Amino acid sequence: MLTVVLELPLWMTAKTIAPLYVLCALYGLISPSFISLNPVIIGRHFDTDVMASVMGMTNLFGGLGVLAGNLAQGAIFDKYDKREKFTNTIIFSGVFILVAGIVTFAMRVHVQRQQSDRRFFQRI
């Protein structure tokens, strides 16, 4: 979520190179945590006998998302931004990062509820 809060205002309003440097530095500090959480989540919530399969499936779908996202952004840049500005490309990127953040947050709430329910039933 913090990535979206940084990306949209800094990138959309950038008239010089300085805000883009700030964006790159802050984005570089924040976004790697999102990428590195995948193996940690899988290791915590799946048994070792299925861990390799689950990791492979998440990488498969992540790879498809990267492939489709890059192609879509190129098409948006060509067709709607007319290769002059990045406004629609920035909005596309921001919306999908926001959706990923919402899905991640919803997954976190779901996992916390499941853990809470397990603790409750273990006490009974």
C-alpha atoms as a PDB file:
ATOM      1  CA  MET A   1       0.000   0.000   0.000  1.00  0.00           C
ATOM      2  CA  LEU A   2       2.889   2.317   0.785  1.00  0.00           C
ATOM      3  CA  THR A   3       4.231   1.742  -2.720  1.00  0.00           C
ATOM      4  CA  VAL A   4       1.018   3.121  -4.240  1.00  0.00           C
ATOM      5  CA  VAL A   5       1.055   6.107  -1.897  1.00  0.00           C
ATOM      6  CA  LEU A   6       4.600   6.891  -3.055  1.00  0.00           C
ATOM      7  CA  GLU A   7       4.276   5.977  -6.714  1.00  0.00           C
ATOM      8  CA  LEU A   8       1.219   7.881  -7.820  1.00  0.00           C
ATOM      9  CA  PRO A   9       2.015  11.338  -6.414  1.00  0.00           C
ATOM     10  CA  LEU A  10       5.772  11.250  -7.086  1.00  0.00           C
ATOM     11  CA  TRP A  11       5.652   9.791 -10.575  1.00  0.00           C
ATOM     12  CA  MET A  12       2.522  11.583 -11.809  1.00  0.00           C
ATOM     13  CA  THR A  13       3.715  15.028 -10.755  1.00  0.00           C
ATOM     14  CA  ALA A  14       7.393  14.640 -11.684  1.00  0.00           C
ATOM     15  CA  LYS A  15       8.533  17.456 -13.958  1.00  0.00           C
ATOM     16  CA  THR A  16      12.263  16.955 -13.363  1.00  0.00           C
ATOM     17  CA  ILE A  17      14.509  13.983 -12.687  1.00  0.00           C
ATOM     18  CA  ALA A  18      14.840  14.638  -8.907  1.00  0.00           C
ATOM     19  CA  PRO A  19      11.387  13.239  -7.914  1.00  0.00           C
ATOM     20  CA  LEU A  20      12.084  10.166 -10.038  1.00  0.00           C
ATOM     21  CA  TYR A  21      15.341   9.556  -8.150  1.00  0.00           C
ATOM     22  CA  VAL A  22      13.447   9.843  -4.877  1.00  0.00           C
ATOM     23  CA  LEU A  23      10.781   7.453  -6.185  1.00  0.00           C
ATOM     24  CA  CYS A  24      13.387   4.921  -7.317  1.00  0.00           C
ATOM     25  CA  ALA A  25      15.182   5.028  -3.980  1.00  0.00           C
ATOM     26  CA  LEU A  26      12.010   4.669  -1.904  1.00  0.00           C
ATOM     27  CA  TYR A  27      10.520   2.062  -4.242  1.00  0.00           C
ATOM     28  CA  GLY A  28      13.754   0.098  -4.014  1.00  0.00           C
ATOM     29  CA  LEU A  29      13.530   0.121  -0.231  1.00  0.00           C
ATOM     30  CA  ILE A  30       9.871  -0.949  -0.077  1.00  0.00           C
ATOM     31  CA  SER A  31       9.110  -3.309  -2.958  1.00  0.00           C
ATOM     32  CA  PRO A  32      11.709  -6.052  -2.264  1.00  0.00           C
ATOM     33  CA  SER A  33       9.861  -6.941   0.919  1.00  0.00           C
ATOM     34  CA  PHE A  34       6.780  -7.802  -1.134  1.00  0.00           C
ATOM     35  CA  ILE A  35       8.795 -10.100  -3.395  1.00  0.00           C
ATOM     36  CA  SER A  36      10.696 -11.806  -0.564  1.00  0.00           C
ATOM     37  CA  LEU A  37       7.570 -12.576   1.461  1.00  0.00           C
ATOM     38  CA  ASN A  38       6.416 -15.310  -0.932  1.00  0.00           C
ATOM     39  CA  PRO A  39       8.834 -18.051   0.237  1.00  0.00           C
ATOM     40  CA  VAL A  40       8.327 -17.080   3.879  1.00  0.00           C
ATOM     41  CA  ILE A  41       4.539 -17.370   3.633  1.00  0.00           C
ATOM     42  CA  ILE A  42       4.764 -20.679   1.788  1.00  0.00           C
ATOM     43  CA  GLY A  43       7.284 -22.069   4.285  1.00  0.00           C
ATOM     44  CA  ARG A  44       5.088 -21.104   7.200  1.00  0.00           C
ATOM     45  CA  HIS A  45       1.723 -22.329   5.937  1.00  0.00           C
ATOM     46  CA  PHE A  46       2.496 -25.428   3.861  1.00  0.00           C
ATOM     47  CA  ASP A  47       4.021 -28.811   4.685  1.00  0.00           C
ATOM     48  CA  THR A  48       7.442 -29.664   3.312  1.00  0.00           C
ATOM     49  CA  ASP A  49       6.084 -32.387   1.006  1.00  0.00           C
ATOM     50  CA  VAL A  50       4.044 -29.863  -1.052  1.00  0.00           C
ATOM     51  CA  MET A  51       6.238 -26.801  -0.572  1.00  0.00           C
ATOM     52  CA  ALA A  52       8.085 -27.157  -3.892  1.00  0.00           C
ATOM     53  CA  SER A  53       4.824 -27.547  -5.826  1.00  0.00           C
ATOM     54  CA  VAL A  54       3.228 -24.536  -4.151  1.00  0.00           C
ATOM     55  CA  MET A  55       6.326 -22.424  -4.753  1.00  0.00           C
ATOM     56  CA  GLY A  56       6.350 -23.473  -8.391  1.00  0.00           C
ATOM     57  CA  MET A  57       2.681 -22.574  -8.817  1.00  0.00           C
ATOM     58  CA  THR A  58       3.118 -19.150  -7.227  1.00  0.00           C
ATOM     59  CA  ASN A  59       6.134 -18.458  -9.445  1.00  0.00           C
ATOM     60  CA  LEU A  60       4.173 -19.609 -12.501  1.00  0.00           C
ATOM     61  CA  PHE A  61       1.293 -17.228 -11.841  1.00  0.00           C
ATOM     62  CA  GLY A  62       3.655 -14.429 -10.824  1.00  0.00           C
ATOM     63  CA  GLY A  63       5.576 -14.904 -14.069  1.00  0.00           C
ATOM     64  CA  LEU A  64       2.389 -14.780 -16.102  1.00  0.00           C
ATOM     65  CA  GLY A  65       1.451 -11.567 -14.315  1.00  0.00           C
ATOM     66  CA  VAL A  66       4.829 -10.002 -15.066  1.00  0.00           C
ATOM     67  CA  LEU A  67       4.625 -11.038 -18.713  1.00  0.00           C
ATOM     68  CA  ALA A  68       1.062  -9.800 -19.193  1.00  0.00           C
ATOM     69  CA  GLY A  69       1.653  -6.631 -17.169  1.00  0.00           C
ATOM     70  CA  ASN A  70       4.680  -5.554 -19.184  1.00  0.00           C
ATOM     71  CA  LEU A  71       2.930  -6.198 -22.482  1.00  0.00           C
ATOM     72  CA  ALA A  72      -0.189  -4.373 -21.328  1.00  0.00           C
ATOM     73  CA  GLN A  73       1.806  -1.378 -20.132  1.00  0.00           C
ATOM     74  CA  GLY A  74       3.584  -1.189 -23.472  1.00  0.00           C
ATOM     75  CA  ALA A  75       0.257  -1.265 -25.315  1.00  0.00           C
ATOM     76  CA  ILE A  76      -1.198   1.416 -23.012  1.00  0.00           C
ATOM     77  CA  PHE A  77       1.890   3.583 -23.521  1.00  0.00           C
ATOM     78  CA  ASP A  78       1.609   3.234 -27.315  1.00  0.00           C
ATOM     79  CA  LYS A  79      -2.141   3.646 -27.698  1.00  0.00           C
ATOM     80  CA  TYR A  80      -3.310   5.981 -24.938  1.00  0.00           C
ATOM     81  CA  ASP A  81      -0.198   7.873 -23.878  1.00  0.00           C
ATOM     82  CA  LYS A  82       0.906   8.295 -27.504  1.00  0.00           C
ATOM     83  CA  ARG A  83       4.534   7.706 -26.449  1.00  0.00           C
ATOM     84  CA  GLU A  84       4.660  11.223 -25.000  1.00  0.00           C
ATOM     85  CA  LYS A  85       3.558  10.942 -21.388  1.00  0.00           C
ATOM     86  CA  PHE A  86       3.121   8.141 -18.866  1.00  0.00           C
ATOM     87  CA  THR A  87      -0.144   9.119 -17.170  1.00  0.00           C
ATOM     88  CA  ASN A  88      -2.229   6.078 -18.146  1.00  0.00           C
ATOM     89  CA  THR A  89       0.703   3.734 -17.628  1.00  0.00           C
ATOM     90  CA  ILE A  90       1.246   5.125 -14.126  1.00  0.00           C
ATOM     91  CA  ILE A  91      -2.445   4.737 -13.289  1.00  0.00           C
ATOM     92  CA  PHE A  92      -2.444   1.143 -14.605  1.00  0.00           C
ATOM     93  CA  SER A  93       0.603   0.304 -12.506  1.00  0.00           C
ATOM     94  CA  GLY A  94      -0.771   1.980  -9.398  1.00  0.00           C
ATOM     95  CA  VAL A  95      -4.147   0.247  -9.652  1.00  0.00           C
ATOM     96  CA  PHE A  96      -2.620  -3.201  -9.961  1.00  0.00           C
ATOM     97  CA  ILE A  97      -0.176  -2.603  -7.107  1.00  0.00           C
ATOM     98  CA  LEU A  98      -3.155  -1.431  -5.035  1.00  0.00           C
ATOM     99  CA  VAL A  99      -5.117  -4.589  -5.947  1.00  0.00           C
ATOM    100  CA  ALA A 100      -2.125  -6.736  -4.953  1.00  0.00           C
ATOM    101  CA  GLY A 101      -1.916  -4.906  -1.630  1.00  0.00           C
ATOM    102  CA  ILE A 102      -5.628  -5.399  -0.962  1.00  0.00           C
ATOM    103  CA  VAL A 103      -5.408  -9.112  -1.776  1.00  0.00           C
ATOM    104  CA  THR A 104      -2.359  -9.463   0.473  1.00  0.00           C
ATOM    105  CA  PHE A 105      -4.140  -7.665   3.303  1.00  0.00           C
ATOM    106  CA  ALA A 106      -7.250  -9.838   2.862  1.00  0.00           C
ATOM    107  CA  MET A 107      -5.078 -12.955   2.945  1.00  0.00           C
ATOM    108  CA  ARG A 108      -3.425 -11.743   6.137  1.00  0.00           C
ATOM    109  CA  VAL A 109      -6.796 -11.164   7.814  1.00  0.00           C
ATOM    110  CA  HIS A 110      -7.983 -14.615   6.679  1.00  0.00           C
ATOM    111  CA  VAL A 111      -4.865 -16.351   8.013  1.00  0.00           C
ATOM    112  CA  GLN A 112      -5.092 -14.510  11.335  1.00  0.00           C
ATOM    113  CA  ARG A 113      -8.724 -15.563  11.727  1.00  0.00           C
ATOM    114  CA  GLN A 114      -7.846 -19.185  10.978  1.00  0.00           C
ATOM    115  CA  GLN A 115      -5.054 -19.123  13.554  1.00  0.00           C
ATOM    116  CA  SER A 116      -7.372 -17.540  16.089  1.00  0.00           C
ATOM    117  CA  ASP A 117     -10.012 -20.215  15.448  1.00  0.00           C
ATOM    118  CA  ARG A 118      -7.402 -22.994  15.827  1.00  0.00           C
ATOM    119  CA  ARG A 119      -6.237 -21.594  19.161  1.00  0.00           C
ATOM    120  CA  PHE A 120      -9.830 -21.331  20.331  1.00  0.00           C
ATOM    121  CA  PHE A 121     -10.644 -24.941  19.439  1.00  0.00           C
ATOM    122  CA  GLN A 122      -7.383 -26.222  20.919  1.00  0.00           C
ATOM    123  CA  ARG A 123      -8.366 -24.743  24.283  1.00  0.00           C
ATOM    124  CA  ILE A 124     -11.755 -26.517  24.239  1.00  0.00           C
END
